[in-house]
């Protein structure tokens, strides 16, 4: 099963909103791993105020707001 990685931070309303939409889209199709950038200096330096950022593998899917159609398209591609 493929895995979306969401770089976020605690208390970020955009992160919370993105996850609320992403979780039902991925249920049974892909895993979601949430990484709090404030727990890792490298992530903090890389993403700073750019959260949330969503990756599938090495590919950045979206940042700030969920690109719902992009996720749907990727899930269809992942299933093939």
PDB file of N, CA and C in Angstrom:
ATOM      1  N   UNK A   1       0.852  -1.181   0.000  1.00  0.00           N
ATOM      2  CA  UNK A   1       0.000   0.000   0.000  1.00  0.00           C
ATOM      3  C   UNK A   1       0.898   1.244   0.000  1.00  0.00           C
ATOM      4  N   UNK A   2       0.569   2.197  -0.821  1.00  0.00           N
ATOM      5  CA  UNK A   2       1.347   3.430  -0.913  1.00  0.00           C
ATOM      6  C   UNK A   2       1.045   4.340   0.273  1.00  0.00           C
ATOM      7  N   UNK A   3       1.924   5.312   0.481  1.00  0.00           N
ATOM      8  CA  UNK A   3       1.809   6.162   1.659  1.00  0.00           C
ATOM      9  C   UNK A   3       1.966   7.644   1.307  1.00  0.00           C
ATOM     10  N   UNK A   4       0.970   8.416   1.685  1.00  0.00           N
ATOM     11  CA  UNK A   4       1.081   9.866   1.616  1.00  0.00           C
ATOM     12  C   UNK A   4       1.749  10.334   2.895  1.00  0.00           C
ATOM     13  N   UNK A   5       2.690  11.251   2.774  1.00  0.00           N
ATOM     14  CA  UNK A   5       3.347  11.843   3.938  1.00  0.00           C
ATOM     15  C   UNK A   5       2.923  13.300   4.008  1.00  0.00           C
ATOM     16  N   UNK A   6       2.396  13.685   5.160  1.00  0.00           N
ATOM     17  CA  UNK A   6       1.948  15.061   5.375  1.00  0.00           C
ATOM     18  C   UNK A   6       2.881  15.705   6.390  1.00  0.00           C
ATOM     19  N   UNK A   7       3.588  16.722   5.952  1.00  0.00           N
ATOM     20  CA  UNK A   7       4.420  17.511   6.857  1.00  0.00           C
ATOM     21  C   UNK A   7       3.544  18.622   7.412  1.00  0.00           C
ATOM     22  N   UNK A   8       3.449  18.675   8.733  1.00  0.00           N
ATOM     23  CA  UNK A   8       2.542  19.626   9.367  1.00  0.00           C
ATOM     24  C   UNK A   8       3.150  20.097  10.676  1.00  0.00           C
ATOM     25  N   UNK A   9       2.365  20.841  11.419  1.00  0.00           N
ATOM     26  CA  UNK A   9       2.774  21.225  12.776  1.00  0.00           C
ATOM     27  C   UNK A   9       1.535  21.308  13.644  1.00  0.00           C
ATOM     28  N   UNK A  10       1.754  21.073  14.911  1.00  0.00           N
ATOM     29  CA  UNK A  10       0.669  21.102  15.895  1.00  0.00           C
ATOM     30  C   UNK A  10       0.040  22.501  15.921  1.00  0.00           C
ATOM     31  N   UNK A  11      -1.281  22.536  15.971  1.00  0.00           N
ATOM     32  CA  UNK A  11      -1.999  23.803  16.058  1.00  0.00           C
ATOM     33  C   UNK A  11      -2.210  24.512  14.729  1.00  0.00           C
ATOM     34  N   UNK A  12      -1.836  23.873  13.640  1.00  0.00           N
ATOM     35  CA  UNK A  12      -1.991  24.477  12.306  1.00  0.00           C
ATOM     36  C   UNK A  12      -3.383  24.139  11.772  1.00  0.00           C
ATOM     37  N   UNK A  13      -4.239  25.159  11.644  1.00  0.00           N
ATOM     38  CA  UNK A  13      -5.603  24.888  11.175  1.00  0.00           C
ATOM     39  C   UNK A  13      -5.635  24.403   9.730  1.00  0.00           C
ATOM     40  N   UNK A  14      -4.718  24.877   8.892  1.00  0.00           N
ATOM     41  CA  UNK A  14      -4.670  24.382   7.514  1.00  0.00           C
ATOM     42  C   UNK A  14      -4.312  22.902   7.479  1.00  0.00           C
ATOM     43  N   UNK A  15      -3.402  22.503   8.363  1.00  0.00           N
ATOM     44  CA  UNK A  15      -3.009  21.090   8.444  1.00  0.00           C
ATOM     45  C   UNK A  15      -4.191  20.227   8.857  1.00  0.00           C
ATOM     46  N   UNK A  16      -4.927  20.688   9.853  1.00  0.00           N
ATOM     47  CA  UNK A  16      -6.082  19.942  10.343  1.00  0.00           C
ATOM     48  C   UNK A  16      -7.147  19.802   9.257  1.00  0.00           C
ATOM     49  N   UNK A  17      -7.410  20.894   8.550  1.00  0.00           N
ATOM     50  CA  UNK A  17      -8.417  20.864   7.483  1.00  0.00           C
ATOM     51  C   UNK A  17      -7.996  19.924   6.361  1.00  0.00           C
ATOM     52  N   UNK A  18      -6.715  19.980   5.994  1.00  0.00           N
ATOM     53  CA  UNK A  18      -6.211  19.119   4.928  1.00  0.00           C
ATOM     54  C   UNK A  18      -6.382  17.653   5.306  1.00  0.00           C
ATOM     55  N   UNK A  19      -6.022  17.297   6.527  1.00  0.00           N
ATOM     56  CA  UNK A  19      -6.138  15.907   6.977  1.00  0.00           C
ATOM     57  C   UNK A  19      -7.590  15.441   7.039  1.00  0.00           C
ATOM     58  N   UNK A  20      -8.507  16.330   7.398  1.00  0.00           N
ATOM     59  CA  UNK A  20      -9.924  15.973   7.440  1.00  0.00           C
ATOM     60  C   UNK A  20     -10.446  15.565   6.066  1.00  0.00           C
ATOM     61  N   UNK A  21      -9.895  16.167   5.024  1.00  0.00           N
ATOM     62  CA  UNK A  21     -10.318  15.845   3.655  1.00  0.00           C
ATOM     63  C   UNK A  21      -9.538  14.645   3.119  1.00  0.00           C
ATOM     64  N   UNK A  22      -8.237  14.586   3.429  1.00  0.00           N
ATOM     65  CA  UNK A  22      -7.371  13.534   2.893  1.00  0.00           C
ATOM     66  C   UNK A  22      -7.704  12.152   3.456  1.00  0.00           C
ATOM     67  N   UNK A  23      -7.981  12.075   4.744  1.00  0.00           N
ATOM     68  CA  UNK A  23      -8.198  10.767   5.380  1.00  0.00           C
ATOM     69  C   UNK A  23      -9.301   9.946   4.718  1.00  0.00           C
ATOM     70  N   UNK A  24     -10.496  10.500   4.488  1.00  0.00           N
ATOM     71  CA  UNK A  24     -11.528   9.677   3.842  1.00  0.00           C
ATOM     72  C   UNK A  24     -11.174   9.296   2.391  1.00  0.00           C
ATOM     73  N   UNK A  25     -10.442  10.154   1.693  1.00  0.00           N
ATOM     74  CA  UNK A  25     -10.051   9.836   0.319  1.00  0.00           C
ATOM     75  C   UNK A  25      -9.113   8.627   0.272  1.00  0.00           C
ATOM     76  N   UNK A  26      -8.258   8.510   1.282  1.00  0.00           N
ATOM     77  CA  UNK A  26      -7.232   7.462   1.298  1.00  0.00           C
ATOM     78  C   UNK A  26      -7.667   6.176   1.975  1.00  0.00           C
ATOM     79  N   UNK A  27      -8.753   6.217   2.717  1.00  0.00           N
ATOM     80  CA  UNK A  27      -9.188   5.055   3.499  1.00  0.00           C
ATOM     81  C   UNK A  27      -9.249   3.801   2.623  1.00  0.00           C
ATOM     82  N   UNK A  28      -8.459   2.803   3.004  1.00  0.00           N
ATOM     83  CA  UNK A  28      -8.431   1.539   2.288  1.00  0.00           C
ATOM     84  C   UNK A  28      -7.625   1.554   0.999  1.00  0.00           C
ATOM     85  N   UNK A  29      -7.073   2.710   0.623  1.00  0.00           N
ATOM     86  CA  UNK A  29      -6.344   2.834  -0.641  1.00  0.00           C
ATOM     87  C   UNK A  29      -4.889   3.217  -0.443  1.00  0.00           C
ATOM     88  N   UNK A  30      -4.598   3.979   0.609  1.00  0.00           N
ATOM     89  CA  UNK A  30      -3.232   4.435   0.870  1.00  0.00           C
ATOM     90  C   UNK A  30      -3.107   4.787   2.344  1.00  0.00           C
ATOM     91  N   UNK A  31      -1.899   4.672   2.850  1.00  0.00           N
ATOM     92  CA  UNK A  31      -1.619   5.071   4.225  1.00  0.00           C
ATOM     93  C   UNK A  31      -1.331   6.566   4.256  1.00  0.00           C
ATOM     94  N   UNK A  32      -1.500   7.150   5.437  1.00  0.00           N
ATOM     95  CA  UNK A  32      -1.143   8.551   5.661  1.00  0.00           C
ATOM     96  C   UNK A  32      -0.212   8.585   6.864  1.00  0.00           C
ATOM     97  N   UNK A  33       0.928   9.212   6.680  1.00  0.00           N
ATOM     98  CA  UNK A  33       1.874   9.413   7.766  1.00  0.00           C
ATOM     99  C   UNK A  33       1.994  10.918   7.990  1.00  0.00           C
ATOM    100  N   UNK A  34       1.755  11.341   9.228  1.00  0.00           N
ATOM    101  CA  UNK A  34       1.831  12.765   9.558  1.00  0.00           C
ATOM    102  C   UNK A  34       3.143  13.014  10.291  1.00  0.00           C
ATOM    103  N   UNK A  35       3.923  13.951   9.797  1.00  0.00           N
ATOM    104  CA  UNK A  35       5.204  14.293  10.403  1.00  0.00           C
ATOM    105  C   UNK A  35       5.166  15.733  10.894  1.00  0.00           C
ATOM    106  N   UNK A  36       5.312  15.881  12.196  1.00  0.00           N
ATOM    107  CA  UNK A  36       5.335  17.202  12.824  1.00  0.00           C
ATOM    108  C   UNK A  36       6.710  17.809  12.587  1.00  0.00           C
ATOM    109  N   UNK A  37       6.778  18.856  11.771  1.00  0.00           N
ATOM    110  CA  UNK A  37       8.075  19.422  11.407  1.00  0.00           C
ATOM    111  C   UNK A  37       8.822  19.997  12.602  1.00  0.00           C
ATOM    112  N   UNK A  38       8.101  20.332  13.665  1.00  0.00           N
ATOM    113  CA  UNK A  38       8.757  20.913  14.836  1.00  0.00           C
ATOM    114  C   UNK A  38       9.510  19.868  15.661  1.00  0.00           C
ATOM    115  N   UNK A  39       9.391  18.584  15.289  1.00  0.00           N
ATOM    116  CA  UNK A  39      10.110  17.534  16.010  1.00  0.00           C
ATOM    117  C   UNK A  39      11.426  17.166  15.328  1.00  0.00           C
ATOM    118  N   UNK A  40      11.702  17.785  14.177  1.00  0.00           N
ATOM    119  CA  UNK A  40      12.898  17.442  13.427  1.00  0.00           C
ATOM    120  C   UNK A  40      13.485  18.714  12.817  1.00  0.00           C
ATOM    121  N   UNK A  41      14.699  19.114  13.205  1.00  0.00           N
ATOM    122  CA  UNK A  41      15.295  20.351  12.684  1.00  0.00           C
ATOM    123  C   UNK A  41      15.421  20.379  11.160  1.00  0.00           C
ATOM    124  N   UNK A  42      15.665  19.237  10.539  1.00  0.00           N
ATOM    125  CA  UNK A  42      15.774  19.204   9.076  1.00  0.00           C
ATOM    126  C   UNK A  42      14.431  19.506   8.421  1.00  0.00           C
ATOM    127  N   UNK A  43      13.366  18.921   8.963  1.00  0.00           N
ATOM    128  CA  UNK A  43      12.031  19.204   8.415  1.00  0.00           C
ATOM    129  C   UNK A  43      11.661  20.660   8.667  1.00  0.00           C
ATOM    130  N   UNK A  44      12.005  21.157   9.839  1.00  0.00           N
ATOM    131  CA  UNK A  44      11.683  22.537  10.181  1.00  0.00           C
ATOM    132  C   UNK A  44      12.382  23.502   9.222  1.00  0.00           C
ATOM    133  N   UNK A  45      13.634  23.213   8.919  1.00  0.00           N
ATOM    134  CA  UNK A  45      14.380  24.058   7.982  1.00  0.00           C
ATOM    135  C   UNK A  45      13.828  23.949   6.569  1.00  0.00           C
ATOM    136  N   UNK A  46      13.460  22.734   6.171  1.00  0.00           N
ATOM    137  CA  UNK A  46      12.976  22.511   4.809  1.00  0.00           C
ATOM    138  C   UNK A  46      11.602  23.128   4.571  1.00  0.00           C
ATOM    139  N   UNK A  47      10.719  23.065   5.570  1.00  0.00           N
ATOM    140  CA  UNK A  47       9.336  23.467   5.347  1.00  0.00           C
ATOM    141  C   UNK A  47       8.925  24.753   6.048  1.00  0.00           C
ATOM    142  N   UNK A  48       9.528  25.087   7.180  1.00  0.00           N
ATOM    143  CA  UNK A  48       9.226  26.336   7.874  1.00  0.00           C
ATOM    144  C   UNK A  48       7.745  26.645   7.949  1.00  0.00           C
ATOM    145  N   UNK A  49       7.338  27.705   7.277  1.00  0.00           N
ATOM    146  CA  UNK A  49       5.937  28.140   7.280  1.00  0.00           C
ATOM    147  C   UNK A  49       5.140  27.596   6.092  1.00  0.00           C
ATOM    148  N   UNK A  50       5.713  26.662   5.359  1.00  0.00           N
ATOM    149  CA  UNK A  50       5.074  26.168   4.140  1.00  0.00           C
ATOM    150  C   UNK A  50       4.054  25.063   4.377  1.00  0.00           C
ATOM    151  N   UNK A  51       3.848  24.667   5.614  1.00  0.00           N
ATOM    152  CA  UNK A  51       2.954  23.545   5.913  1.00  0.00           C
ATOM    153  C   UNK A  51       1.488  23.917   5.758  1.00  0.00           C
ATOM    154  N   UNK A  52       0.665  22.935   5.468  1.00  0.00           N
ATOM    155  CA  UNK A  52       0.987  21.539   5.251  1.00  0.00           C
ATOM    156  C   UNK A  52       1.533  21.285   3.848  1.00  0.00           C
ATOM    157  N   UNK A  53       2.373  20.253   3.754  1.00  0.00           N
ATOM    158  CA  UNK A  53       2.909  19.795   2.476  1.00  0.00           C
ATOM    159  C   UNK A  53       2.655  18.299   2.405  1.00  0.00           C
ATOM    160  N   UNK A  54       2.152  17.856   1.264  1.00  0.00           N
ATOM    161  CA  UNK A  54       1.821  16.441   1.081  1.00  0.00           C
ATOM    162  C   UNK A  54       2.721  15.845   0.006  1.00  0.00           C
ATOM    163  N   UNK A  55       3.298  14.694   0.329  1.00  0.00           N
ATOM    164  CA  UNK A  55       4.131  13.950  -0.615  1.00  0.00           C
ATOM    165  C   UNK A  55       3.569  12.555  -0.805  1.00  0.00           C
ATOM    166  N   UNK A  56       3.776  12.024  -1.990  1.00  0.00           N
ATOM    167  CA  UNK A  56       3.578  10.613  -2.263  1.00  0.00           C
ATOM    168  C   UNK A  56       4.908  10.148  -2.834  1.00  0.00           C
ATOM    169  N   UNK A  57       5.632   9.362  -2.066  1.00  0.00           N
ATOM    170  CA  UNK A  57       7.000   9.011  -2.452  1.00  0.00           C
ATOM    171  C   UNK A  57       7.848  10.277  -2.454  1.00  0.00           C
ATOM    172  N   UNK A  58       8.560  10.499  -3.525  1.00  0.00           N
ATOM    173  CA  UNK A  58       9.414  11.681  -3.651  1.00  0.00           C
ATOM    174  C   UNK A  58       8.682  12.855  -4.302  1.00  0.00           C
ATOM    175  N   UNK A  59       7.439  12.646  -4.712  1.00  0.00           N
ATOM    176  CA  UNK A  59       6.684  13.670  -5.449  1.00  0.00           C
ATOM    177  C   UNK A  59       5.864  14.532  -4.499  1.00  0.00           C
ATOM    178  N   UNK A  60       6.066  15.855  -4.596  1.00  0.00           N
ATOM    179  CA  UNK A  60       5.213  16.771  -3.841  1.00  0.00           C
ATOM    180  C   UNK A  60       3.852  16.838  -4.533  1.00  0.00           C
ATOM    181  N   UNK A  61       2.824  16.560  -3.772  1.00  0.00           N
ATOM    182  CA  UNK A  61       1.461  16.534  -4.311  1.00  0.00           C
ATOM    183  C   UNK A  61       0.822  17.914  -4.197  1.00  0.00           C
ATOM    184  N   UNK A  62       0.968  18.551  -3.037  1.00  0.00           N
ATOM    185  CA  UNK A  62       0.395  19.877  -2.831  1.00  0.00           C
ATOM    186  C   UNK A  62       0.936  20.479  -1.546  1.00  0.00           C
ATOM    187  N   UNK A  63       0.699  21.772  -1.393  1.00  0.00           N
ATOM    188  CA  UNK A  63       1.032  22.449  -0.138  1.00  0.00           C
ATOM    189  C   UNK A  63      -0.048  23.474   0.168  1.00  0.00           C
ATOM    190  N   UNK A  64      -0.192  23.777   1.435  1.00  0.00           N
ATOM    191  CA  UNK A  64      -1.183  24.703   1.982  1.00  0.00           C
ATOM    192  C   UNK A  64      -2.604  24.135   1.967  1.00  0.00           C
ATOM    193  N   UNK A  65      -3.107  23.804   0.782  1.00  0.00           N
ATOM    194  CA  UNK A  65      -4.454  23.246   0.669  1.00  0.00           C
ATOM    195  C   UNK A  65      -4.386  21.965  -0.141  1.00  0.00           C
ATOM    196  N   UNK A  66      -5.265  21.030   0.199  1.00  0.00           N
ATOM    197  CA  UNK A  66      -5.276  19.756  -0.499  1.00  0.00           C
ATOM    198  C   UNK A  66      -5.751  19.931  -1.931  1.00  0.00           C
ATOM    199  N   UNK A  67      -4.975  19.384  -2.857  1.00  0.00           N
ATOM    200  CA  UNK A  67      -5.400  19.311  -4.248  1.00  0.00           C
ATOM    201  C   UNK A  67      -6.156  17.990  -4.392  1.00  0.00           C
ATOM    202  N   UNK A  68      -7.420  18.059  -4.102  1.00  0.00           N
ATOM    203  CA  UNK A  68      -8.280  16.863  -4.047  1.00  0.00           C
ATOM    204  C   UNK A  68      -8.210  16.051  -5.342  1.00  0.00           C
ATOM    205  N   UNK A  69      -8.292  16.718  -6.487  1.00  0.00           N
ATOM    206  CA  UNK A  69      -8.278  16.011  -7.761  1.00  0.00           C
ATOM    207  C   UNK A  69      -6.935  15.326  -7.994  1.00  0.00           C
ATOM    208  N   UNK A  70      -5.849  15.990  -7.612  1.00  0.00           N
ATOM    209  CA  UNK A  70      -4.520  15.387  -7.746  1.00  0.00           C
ATOM    210  C   UNK A  70      -4.434  14.101  -6.918  1.00  0.00           C
ATOM    211  N   UNK A  71      -4.955  14.131  -5.697  1.00  0.00           N
ATOM    212  CA  UNK A  71      -4.936  12.950  -4.843  1.00  0.00           C
ATOM    213  C   UNK A  71      -5.776  11.833  -5.464  1.00  0.00           C
ATOM    214  N   UNK A  72      -6.955  12.161  -5.941  1.00  0.00           N
ATOM    215  CA  UNK A  72      -7.810  11.158  -6.581  1.00  0.00           C
ATOM    216  C   UNK A  72      -7.111  10.545  -7.783  1.00  0.00           C
ATOM    217  N   UNK A  73      -6.504  11.388  -8.608  1.00  0.00           N
ATOM    218  CA  UNK A  73      -5.779  10.891  -9.787  1.00  0.00           C
ATOM    219  C   UNK A  73      -4.630   9.984  -9.384  1.00  0.00           C
ATOM    220  N   UNK A  74      -3.893  10.362  -8.348  1.00  0.00           N
ATOM    221  CA  UNK A  74      -2.781   9.543  -7.881  1.00  0.00           C
ATOM    222  C   UNK A  74      -3.265   8.210  -7.310  1.00  0.00           C
ATOM    223  N   UNK A  75      -4.376   8.214  -6.602  1.00  0.00           N
ATOM    224  CA  UNK A  75      -4.919   6.971  -6.055  1.00  0.00           C
ATOM    225  C   UNK A  75      -5.340   6.021  -7.165  1.00  0.00           C
ATOM    226  N   UNK A  76      -5.895   6.548  -8.233  1.00  0.00           N
ATOM    227  CA  UNK A  76      -6.275   5.710  -9.368  1.00  0.00           C
ATOM    228  C   UNK A  76      -5.022   5.140 -10.006  1.00  0.00           C
ATOM    229  N   UNK A  77      -3.989   5.957 -10.176  1.00  0.00           N
ATOM    230  CA  UNK A  77      -2.732   5.519 -10.762  1.00  0.00           C
ATOM    231  C   UNK A  77      -2.052   4.487  -9.886  1.00  0.00           C
ATOM    232  N   UNK A  78      -2.107   4.688  -8.574  1.00  0.00           N
ATOM    233  CA  UNK A  78      -1.494   3.766  -7.621  1.00  0.00           C
ATOM    234  C   UNK A  78      -2.145   2.400  -7.703  1.00  0.00           C
ATOM    235  N   UNK A  79      -3.452   2.366  -7.927  1.00  0.00           N
ATOM    236  CA  UNK A  79      -4.177   1.094  -8.011  1.00  0.00           C
ATOM    237  C   UNK A  79      -3.820   0.289  -9.259  1.00  0.00           C
ATOM    238  N   UNK A  80      -3.393   0.987 -10.315  1.00  0.00           N
ATOM    239  CA  UNK A  80      -3.092   0.293 -11.582  1.00  0.00           C
ATOM    240  C   UNK A  80      -1.852  -0.552 -11.491  1.00  0.00           C
TER     241      UNK A  80
END
